[in-house]
Amino acid sequence: ITIATDMLTIDGVHTISSSTSSDGTGGTVGIVADSITLENGAEIRTRSGLIDEQTAELYVGTGDGGDIDIQANNEIVMTSGSSISASSLGDGLAGNISVTASTLDMSGSSMTSEAEGTGNGGNISVVAANTVNMVNDASISASSLGDGTAGSISLDAGSTLGMNSSSITSEAEGAGDGGDISVVAASAISMANASNISASSLGDGLAGNISIDAGKTFNMTDSSITTQAVVSDGGDITLVATDMIYLNQSEITTSVESGVGGGGNIDIDPEFVILKQSNILANAFGGPGGNINIVAGNFIATPDSSVDASSALGIDGTVNISSPDETVSE
């Protein structure tokens, strides 16, 4: 399916979809326009596998789902339950999602890659020349519910990324590994009101890694960045900003809940690190705790903040804070 137009608006009574229930590969969906709007539950989707809506019977083959490629010269706006998704219900691979625009605004909408069988999930790539804004439970997610590997997420937000009550997540629930998350902005990244960026493994697979380059400043209020594994190794977190990383009632954590998996490592490198009622933790259960490395010109933390790398039963990790000011309690 190929659509080329000046302006495209899709509302909730319309769906653009491509699927395969056999051994053949599903068709791709390609859209090129100046401006694109999805609203009121509108969908763009590709799928490997088919569910009969009347009998609920599942038809799957080995064919891969088609890719989705969306390009807008100006803005892409997604609101009110609209979605872009690529999924695999059987042995085939889920398609990849590629979105390119000048600005991307997501409100109460989703971008999803999901693998439910043995096939791997597809990758999600978002590139914005200027800004990406995510509000009102907007989400970008890549998941694997079976034995396949979850896809990776790459988000280049141009100048700034703003997240308010929104999420970017990678999750593996079966034997497959979780996907990595990479987020880049040239100027600033802000997270507020229970926003989260997380990579997790609820099964035997490894949790994905998270890499964030915020450009100049990174601000997080009442939000979290986490990697989490139940029994396997936790993923690493790397957070970079040239000027300041500020956490207010927020957490950056890597954790392993049980087993002998090691906690992930955390690396942070700005001029100022400021913690206000916030935590940076790299914990494990039976395996070694992760290592925390903070390199900052100034490290300022309130007394009710903590930086800890510990293991309940194993060897504690190390905490290295390279800064002339490690604690300015007053």
Protein backbone atom coordinates (compact mmCIF):
# COMPACT_ATOMS: atom_id res chain seq x y z
CA ILE A 1 0.00 0.00 0.00
CA THR A 2 1.52 3.32 -1.09
CA ILE A 3 -0.03 6.71 -0.39
CA ALA A 4 1.46 10.00 -1.59
CA THR A 5 -0.41 13.25 -0.95
CA ASP A 6 -0.07 16.79 0.40
CA MET A 7 -2.17 16.27 3.53
CA LEU A 8 -3.49 13.01 4.97
CA THR A 9 -6.05 12.72 7.78
CA ILE A 10 -7.24 9.33 9.03
CA ASP A 11 -10.07 9.20 11.55
CA GLY A 12 -11.40 6.39 13.70
CA VAL A 13 -13.66 4.80 11.08
CA HIS A 14 -10.69 4.02 8.84
CA THR A 15 -7.82 1.54 9.10
CA ILE A 16 -4.88 1.07 6.76
CA SER A 17 -3.68 -2.51 7.17
CA SER A 18 -1.66 -5.29 5.56
CA SER A 19 -1.46 -8.88 6.83
CA THR A 20 -0.33 -12.37 5.87
CA SER A 21 -1.63 -15.68 7.25
CA SER A 22 0.49 -17.94 5.04
CA ASP A 23 4.18 -18.43 4.26
CA GLY A 24 4.34 -15.31 2.10
CA THR A 25 5.57 -11.96 3.35
CA GLY A 26 2.96 -9.33 4.09
CA GLY A 27 2.92 -6.16 2.03
CA THR A 28 4.49 -2.92 3.22
CA VAL A 29 2.65 0.31 4.00
CA GLY A 30 4.35 3.46 2.74
CA ILE A 31 3.01 7.00 3.28
CA VAL A 32 4.60 10.24 2.08
CA ALA A 33 2.89 13.59 2.78
CA ASP A 34 3.51 17.12 3.95
CA SER A 35 1.34 16.64 7.06
CA ILE A 36 -0.23 13.52 8.55
CA THR A 37 -2.95 13.33 11.23
CA LEU A 38 -4.29 10.20 12.93
CA GLU A 39 -7.25 10.78 15.26
CA ASN A 40 -10.15 9.11 17.07
CA GLY A 41 -8.70 5.61 17.13
CA ALA A 42 -7.37 5.53 13.57
CA GLU A 43 -4.96 2.66 12.84
CA ILE A 44 -2.04 1.94 10.55
CA ARG A 45 -0.94 -1.66 11.01
CA THR A 46 0.82 -4.66 9.52
CA ARG A 47 0.54 -8.19 10.88
CA SER A 48 1.95 -11.66 10.42
CA GLY A 49 -1.02 -13.87 11.29
CA LEU A 50 -4.74 -13.31 11.06
CA ILE A 51 -7.63 -13.60 13.52
CA ASP A 52 -11.07 -14.33 12.13
CA GLU A 53 -13.25 -11.66 13.74
CA GLN A 54 -16.36 -13.88 13.66
CA THR A 55 -14.92 -17.19 14.92
CA ALA A 56 -11.84 -15.84 16.77
CA GLU A 57 -9.81 -18.55 14.97
CA LEU A 58 -6.12 -17.80 14.53
CA TYR A 59 -4.42 -18.38 11.16
CA VAL A 60 -0.62 -18.19 11.14
CA GLY A 61 2.17 -19.12 8.76
CA THR A 62 5.88 -18.53 8.57
CA GLY A 63 5.60 -15.35 6.53
CA ASP A 64 6.92 -12.09 7.94
CA GLY A 65 4.76 -9.05 8.54
CA GLY A 66 5.21 -6.04 6.28
CA ASP A 67 7.15 -2.91 7.20
CA ILE A 68 5.61 0.51 7.84
CA ASP A 69 7.39 3.59 6.45
CA ILE A 70 5.82 6.98 7.17
CA GLN A 71 7.40 10.26 6.05
CA ALA A 72 6.07 13.78 6.62
CA ASN A 73 7.84 16.93 5.48
CA ASN A 74 6.17 18.88 8.27
CA GLU A 75 4.25 17.37 11.21
CA ILE A 76 2.78 14.07 12.25
CA VAL A 77 -0.03 14.36 14.82
CA MET A 78 -1.46 11.30 16.61
CA THR A 79 -4.37 11.77 19.05
CA SER A 80 -7.26 10.04 20.83
CA GLY A 81 -6.32 6.38 20.76
CA SER A 82 -4.79 6.35 17.29
CA SER A 83 -2.02 3.81 16.68
CA ILE A 84 0.75 2.60 14.41
CA SER A 85 1.55 -1.08 14.95
CA ALA A 86 3.47 -4.02 13.48
CA SER A 87 2.88 -7.45 15.01
CA SER A 88 3.57 -11.15 14.58
CA LEU A 89 1.16 -13.77 15.95
CA GLY A 90 3.12 -16.85 14.86
CA ASP A 91 6.53 -17.85 13.52
CA GLY A 92 7.03 -14.90 11.20
CA LEU A 93 8.89 -11.73 12.05
CA ALA A 94 6.96 -8.58 12.91
CA GLY A 95 7.55 -5.74 10.48
CA ASN A 96 9.73 -2.72 11.22
CA ILE A 97 8.28 0.75 11.81
CA SER A 98 10.06 3.84 10.45
CA VAL A 99 8.65 7.33 11.10
CA THR A 100 10.28 10.54 9.83
CA ALA A 101 8.92 14.07 10.32
CA SER A 102 9.80 17.63 11.21
CA THR A 103 7.77 17.34 14.44
CA LEU A 104 5.95 14.41 16.04
CA ASP A 105 3.11 15.11 18.48
CA MET A 106 1.57 12.11 20.28
CA SER A 107 -1.35 12.51 22.68
CA GLY A 108 -3.11 9.44 24.04
CA SER A 109 -1.76 7.41 21.12
CA SER A 110 0.67 4.55 20.56
CA MET A 111 3.41 3.17 18.34
CA THR A 112 3.87 -0.57 18.89
CA SER A 113 5.92 -3.52 17.72
CA GLU A 114 4.83 -6.89 19.18
CA ALA A 115 5.77 -10.54 18.71
CA GLU A 116 3.42 -13.11 20.30
CA GLY A 117 4.84 -16.39 18.95
CA THR A 118 8.34 -17.59 18.06
CA GLY A 119 9.00 -14.74 15.64
CA ASN A 120 11.04 -11.71 16.60
CA GLY A 121 9.53 -8.30 17.09
CA GLY A 122 10.26 -5.52 14.62
CA ASN A 123 12.37 -2.45 15.26
CA ILE A 124 10.93 1.04 15.73
CA SER A 125 12.83 4.04 14.36
CA VAL A 126 11.61 7.62 14.87
CA VAL A 127 13.50 10.61 13.46
CA ALA A 128 12.27 14.19 13.96
CA ALA A 129 14.14 17.22 12.65
CA ASN A 130 12.82 19.52 15.39
CA THR A 131 10.84 18.09 18.32
CA VAL A 132 8.98 15.09 19.69
CA ASN A 133 6.19 15.64 22.23
CA MET A 134 4.47 12.77 24.08
CA VAL A 135 1.56 13.51 26.46
CA ASN A 136 -1.56 11.90 27.97
CA ASP A 137 -0.36 8.28 28.14
CA ALA A 138 1.30 8.33 24.74
CA SER A 139 3.55 5.30 24.29
CA ILE A 140 6.24 3.82 22.08
CA SER A 141 6.75 0.13 22.85
CA ALA A 142 8.47 -2.99 21.54
CA SER A 143 7.60 -6.32 23.13
CA SER A 144 7.98 -10.08 22.81
CA LEU A 145 5.36 -12.28 24.51
CA GLY A 146 6.86 -15.60 23.33
CA ASP A 147 10.27 -17.00 22.44
CA GLY A 148 11.22 -14.28 19.99
CA THR A 149 13.42 -11.28 20.68
CA ALA A 150 11.75 -7.94 21.24
CA GLY A 151 12.59 -5.24 18.72
CA SER A 152 14.76 -2.24 19.47
CA ILE A 153 13.60 1.38 19.74
CA SER A 154 15.59 4.28 18.29
CA LEU A 155 14.27 7.82 18.84
CA ASP A 156 16.07 10.89 17.46
CA ALA A 157 14.01 13.82 18.67
CA GLY A 158 15.92 16.55 16.85
CA SER A 159 16.21 19.48 19.25
CA THR A 160 13.99 18.44 22.19
CA LEU A 161 11.98 15.55 23.59
CA GLY A 162 9.17 16.27 26.03
CA MET A 163 7.40 13.44 27.88
CA ASN A 164 4.43 14.05 30.18
CA SER A 165 2.59 11.00 31.57
CA SER A 166 4.04 8.94 28.74
CA SER A 167 6.34 5.98 28.18
CA ILE A 168 9.00 4.39 25.99
CA THR A 169 9.30 0.67 26.81
CA SER A 170 10.88 -2.57 25.67
CA GLU A 171 9.71 -5.82 27.27
CA ALA A 172 10.35 -9.55 26.87
CA GLU A 173 7.99 -11.93 28.67
CA GLY A 174 9.27 -15.31 27.41
CA ALA A 175 12.64 -16.79 26.52
CA GLY A 176 13.58 -13.99 24.13
CA ASP A 177 15.76 -11.03 25.02
CA GLY A 178 14.39 -7.55 25.46
CA GLY A 179 15.27 -4.89 22.90
CA ASP A 180 17.61 -1.94 23.40
CA ILE A 181 16.36 1.65 23.65
CA SER A 182 18.29 4.62 22.25
CA VAL A 183 17.04 8.20 22.75
CA VAL A 184 18.83 11.28 21.39
CA ALA A 185 18.07 15.02 21.49
CA ALA A 186 20.42 17.86 20.55
CA SER A 187 19.26 20.35 23.20
CA ALA A 188 17.11 18.91 26.02
CA ILE A 189 15.00 16.01 27.27
CA SER A 190 12.31 16.42 29.93
CA MET A 191 10.22 13.78 31.69
CA ALA A 192 7.35 14.59 34.07
CA ASN A 193 4.24 13.18 35.77
CA ALA A 194 5.06 9.46 35.98
CA SER A 195 6.74 9.25 32.61
CA ASN A 196 9.08 6.31 32.18
CA ILE A 197 11.68 4.82 29.90
CA SER A 198 12.13 1.13 30.68
CA ALA A 199 13.62 -2.10 29.35
CA SER A 200 12.60 -5.31 31.10
CA SER A 201 12.72 -9.08 30.93
CA LEU A 202 10.03 -11.03 32.79
CA GLY A 203 11.30 -14.42 31.57
CA ASP A 204 14.66 -16.06 30.88
CA GLY A 205 15.88 -13.49 28.35
CA LEU A 206 18.19 -10.58 29.00
CA ALA A 207 16.79 -7.12 29.66
CA GLY A 208 17.66 -4.55 27.01
CA ASN A 209 20.04 -1.63 27.47
CA ILE A 210 19.02 2.05 27.61
CA SER A 211 21.16 4.80 26.11
CA ILE A 212 20.10 8.46 26.42
CA ASP A 213 21.94 11.49 25.03
CA ALA A 214 20.03 14.60 26.10
CA GLY A 215 22.31 17.14 24.45
CA LYS A 216 22.66 19.93 27.01
CA THR A 217 20.14 19.29 29.80
CA PHE A 218 18.10 16.41 31.17
CA ASN A 219 15.24 17.12 33.61
CA MET A 220 13.16 14.43 35.28
CA THR A 221 10.32 15.05 37.76
CA ASP A 222 8.26 12.25 39.33
CA SER A 223 9.50 9.87 36.62
CA SER A 224 11.82 6.92 36.13
CA ILE A 225 14.37 5.23 33.89
CA THR A 226 14.63 1.52 34.65
CA THR A 227 15.98 -1.79 33.43
CA GLN A 228 14.56 -4.84 35.18
CA ALA A 229 15.09 -8.59 34.95
CA VAL A 230 13.42 -11.37 36.94
CA VAL A 231 16.21 -13.96 36.77
CA SER A 232 18.66 -12.94 34.02
CA ASP A 233 21.14 -10.06 33.80
CA GLY A 234 19.75 -6.57 34.05
CA GLY A 235 20.38 -4.08 31.26
CA ASP A 236 22.80 -1.15 31.39
CA ILE A 237 21.79 2.52 31.51
CA THR A 238 23.91 5.30 29.98
CA LEU A 239 22.79 8.91 30.46
CA VAL A 240 24.74 11.80 28.94
CA ALA A 241 24.20 15.57 28.95
CA THR A 242 26.86 18.28 28.69
CA ASP A 243 25.38 20.76 31.20
CA MET A 244 23.02 19.26 33.77
CA ILE A 245 21.14 16.14 34.80
CA TYR A 246 18.43 16.99 37.35
CA LEU A 247 16.28 14.40 39.14
CA ASN A 248 13.37 15.57 41.30
CA GLN A 249 11.50 12.77 43.12
CA SER A 250 12.66 10.40 40.42
CA GLU A 251 14.65 7.19 39.96
CA ILE A 252 17.27 5.69 37.69
CA THR A 253 17.46 1.98 38.52
CA THR A 254 18.76 -1.34 37.24
CA SER A 255 17.53 -4.39 39.13
CA VAL A 256 17.33 -8.19 39.19
CA GLU A 257 14.51 -9.56 41.35
CA SER A 258 15.69 -13.17 41.81
CA GLY A 259 18.22 -15.74 40.59
CA VAL A 260 21.91 -15.09 40.07
CA GLY A 261 21.74 -12.50 37.30
CA GLY A 262 23.91 -9.43 37.72
CA GLY A 263 22.53 -5.95 38.09
CA GLY A 264 23.05 -3.61 35.17
CA ASN A 265 25.61 -0.80 35.18
CA ILE A 266 24.74 2.91 35.27
CA ASP A 267 26.97 5.56 33.67
CA ILE A 268 26.19 9.29 34.02
CA ASP A 269 28.34 12.14 32.66
CA PRO A 270 27.29 15.86 32.80
CA GLU A 271 28.73 19.04 34.34
CA PHE A 272 26.09 19.09 37.11
CA VAL A 273 24.27 16.13 38.66
CA ILE A 274 21.51 17.24 41.03
CA LEU A 275 19.40 14.79 43.04
CA LYS A 276 16.39 16.05 44.97
CA GLN A 277 14.58 13.26 46.86
CA SER A 278 15.76 10.90 44.13
CA ASN A 279 17.59 7.58 43.79
CA ILE A 280 20.19 6.03 41.51
CA LEU A 281 20.24 2.27 42.19
CA ALA A 282 21.91 -0.78 40.64
CA ASN A 283 20.69 -3.74 42.69
CA ALA A 284 20.69 -7.53 42.32
CA PHE A 285 19.46 -10.53 44.30
CA GLY A 286 21.80 -13.52 44.08
CA GLY A 287 24.25 -12.16 41.53
CA PRO A 288 26.58 -9.18 41.81
CA GLY A 289 25.18 -5.68 42.02
CA GLY A 290 25.77 -3.37 39.11
CA ASN A 291 28.39 -0.63 39.01
CA ILE A 292 27.48 3.07 39.13
CA ASN A 293 29.86 5.61 37.59
CA ILE A 294 29.06 9.30 37.90
CA VAL A 295 31.52 11.77 36.38
CA ALA A 296 30.42 15.33 37.09
CA GLY A 297 31.92 18.74 37.66
CA ASN A 298 29.51 19.08 40.58
CA PHE A 299 27.44 16.42 42.32
CA ILE A 300 24.72 17.79 44.61
CA ALA A 301 22.27 15.54 46.45
CA THR A 302 19.73 16.20 49.20
CA PRO A 303 20.09 14.00 52.31
CA ASP A 304 16.99 12.00 51.37
CA SER A 305 18.52 10.97 48.04
CA SER A 306 20.62 7.83 47.57
CA VAL A 307 23.13 6.23 45.22
CA ASP A 308 23.47 2.50 45.89
CA ALA A 309 24.76 -0.64 44.14
CA SER A 310 24.00 -3.65 46.32
CA SER A 311 23.11 -7.33 46.12
CA ALA A 312 20.85 -9.10 48.60
CA LEU A 313 22.87 -12.34 48.57
CA GLY A 314 25.79 -11.69 46.21
CA ILE A 315 28.65 -9.22 45.95
CA ASP A 316 27.77 -5.54 46.08
CA GLY A 317 28.59 -3.42 43.06
CA THR A 318 30.81 -0.34 43.17
CA VAL A 319 29.76 3.31 43.33
CA ASN A 320 32.24 5.74 41.80
CA ILE A 321 31.43 9.45 42.02
CA SER A 322 34.11 11.60 40.43
CA SER A 323 33.28 15.14 41.51
CA PRO A 324 34.82 17.82 43.72
CA ASP A 325 31.51 18.16 45.61
CA GLU A 326 29.94 14.83 46.54
CA THR A 327 27.41 16.02 49.13
CA VAL A 328 26.15 19.54 49.75
CA SER A 329 23.49 18.76 52.34
CA GLU A 330 22.63 22.30 53.32
